[in-house]
C-alpha atoms as a PDB file:
ATOM      1  CA  MET A   1      -0.294  -0.128   0.006  1.00  0.00           C
ATOM      2  CA  THR A   2       1.360   3.467  -0.776  1.00  0.00           C
ATOM      3  CA  LYS A   3       1.667   5.895   1.562  1.00  0.00           C
ATOM      4  CA  GLU A   4      -0.261   9.460   1.517  1.00  0.00           C
ATOM      5  CA  THR A   5       2.103  12.334   0.443  1.00  0.00           C
ATOM      6  CA  ASN A   6       0.997  15.651   2.635  1.00  0.00           C
ATOM      7  CA  TRP A   7       2.001  17.984  -0.079  1.00  0.00           C
ATOM      8  CA  LYS A   8       1.523  21.066   2.070  1.00  0.00           C
ATOM      9  CA  GLU A   9       4.116  19.944   4.499  1.00  0.00           C
ATOM     10  CA  ILE A  10       6.296  18.919   1.561  1.00  0.00           C
ATOM     11  CA  GLU A  11       6.565  22.085  -0.459  1.00  0.00           C
ATOM     12  CA  ASN A  12       9.226  24.509   0.405  1.00  0.00           C
ATOM     13  CA  ALA A  13      10.400  22.007   3.335  1.00  0.00           C
ATOM     14  CA  ASP A  14      14.082  20.937   4.131  1.00  0.00           C
ATOM     15  CA  ASN A  15      14.935  17.793   4.713  1.00  0.00           C
ATOM     16  CA  VAL A  16      12.431  15.572   2.472  1.00  0.00           C
ATOM     17  CA  ARG A  17      12.861  12.047   1.690  1.00  0.00           C
ATOM     18  CA  VAL A  18      11.359  11.127  -1.854  1.00  0.00           C
ATOM     19  CA  PHE A  19      10.324   7.868  -2.595  1.00  0.00           C
ATOM     20  CA  PHE A  20      10.164   6.948  -6.608  1.00  0.00           C
ATOM     21  CA  LYS A  21       7.841   4.235  -8.125  1.00  0.00           C
ATOM     22  CA  ASP A  22      11.113   3.186  -9.574  1.00  0.00           C
ATOM     23  CA  GLY A  23      12.709   1.965  -6.153  1.00  0.00           C
ATOM     24  CA  GLU A  24      15.221   4.891  -6.031  1.00  0.00           C
ATOM     25  CA  VAL A  25      15.136   7.250  -3.117  1.00  0.00           C
ATOM     26  CA  TRP A  26      16.569  10.953  -2.947  1.00  0.00           C
ATOM     27  CA  GLU A  27      17.181  12.780   0.087  1.00  0.00           C
ATOM     28  CA  GLY A  28      16.996  16.839  -0.087  1.00  0.00           C
ATOM     29  CA  ASP A  29      15.021  19.869  -0.087  1.00  0.00           C
ATOM     30  CA  ALA A  30      11.775  20.515  -1.699  1.00  0.00           C
ATOM     31  CA  SER A  31      10.763  23.767  -3.023  1.00  0.00           C
ATOM     32  CA  TYR A  32       7.700  24.659  -4.729  1.00  0.00           C
ATOM     33  CA  LEU A  33       4.866  22.561  -6.420  1.00  0.00           C
ATOM     34  CA  ASP A  34       3.862  23.377 -10.026  1.00  0.00           C
ATOM     35  CA  ILE A  35       0.473  22.296 -11.157  1.00  0.00           C
ATOM     36  CA  THR A  36      -0.384  22.410 -14.921  1.00  0.00           C
ATOM     37  CA  ASP A  37      -2.257  20.895 -17.827  1.00  0.00           C
ATOM     38  CA  GLU A  38       1.278  19.419 -18.653  1.00  0.00           C
ATOM     39  CA  GLY A  39       1.954  17.411 -15.660  1.00  0.00           C
ATOM     40  CA  ASP A  40       2.051  18.390 -11.928  1.00  0.00           C
ATOM     41  CA  THR A  41       6.050  18.790 -10.757  1.00  0.00           C
ATOM     42  CA  LEU A  42       8.007  19.313  -7.695  1.00  0.00           C
ATOM     43  CA  ALA A  43      11.121  21.677  -7.727  1.00  0.00           C
ATOM     44  CA  PHE A  44      13.642  19.770  -5.564  1.00  0.00           C
ATOM     45  CA  TRP A  45      17.428  20.309  -4.728  1.00  0.00           C
ATOM     46  CA  PHE A  46      19.361  17.262  -4.531  1.00  0.00           C
ATOM     47  CA  LYS A  47      22.901  16.761  -3.746  1.00  0.00           C
ATOM     48  CA  GLY A  48      23.319  20.455  -4.461  1.00  0.00           C
ATOM     49  CA  LYS A  49      21.531  20.507  -7.768  1.00  0.00           C
ATOM     50  CA  PRO A  50      17.981  21.840  -8.792  1.00  0.00           C
ATOM     51  CA  TYR A  51      15.613  19.147 -10.495  1.00  0.00           C
ATOM     52  CA  THR A  52      12.277  19.326 -11.546  1.00  0.00           C
ATOM     53  CA  LEU A  53      10.538  16.013 -10.583  1.00  0.00           C
ATOM     54  CA  MET A  54       7.162  14.653 -12.180  1.00  0.00           C
ATOM     55  CA  LEU A  55       4.764  13.743  -9.341  1.00  0.00           C
ATOM     56  CA  SER A  56       3.568  11.220 -11.653  1.00  0.00           C
ATOM     57  CA  GLU A  57       7.280   9.300 -10.895  1.00  0.00           C
ATOM     58  CA  ILE A  58       6.735   9.612  -7.319  1.00  0.00           C
ATOM     59  CA  ASP A  59       5.233   7.132  -5.154  1.00  0.00           C
ATOM     60  CA  TYR A  60       5.466   9.445  -1.994  1.00  0.00           C
ATOM     61  CA  CYS A  61       7.455  11.891  -0.221  1.00  0.00           C
ATOM     62  CA  GLU A  62       8.107  12.540   3.821  1.00  0.00           C
ATOM     63  CA  ARG A  63       9.755  15.018   5.857  1.00  0.00           C
ATOM     64  CA  ILE A  64      12.937  13.617   7.795  1.00  0.00           C
ATOM     65  CA  LYS A  65      12.826  13.871  11.297  1.00  0.00           C
END
């Protein structure tokens, strides 16, 4: 069963863990969500570089406590 992501908690949060559907896991800092007709994305900093992650490729995200 997939965990639900609280996107309001994730947006603009530091120390976030992203679990991708392919099994990969990233830890970094989330920025803004962009909800568009072309696809929903999350701006994310991973290893000091900015990335645009497609929400359709993410299983779930969580804050690292």
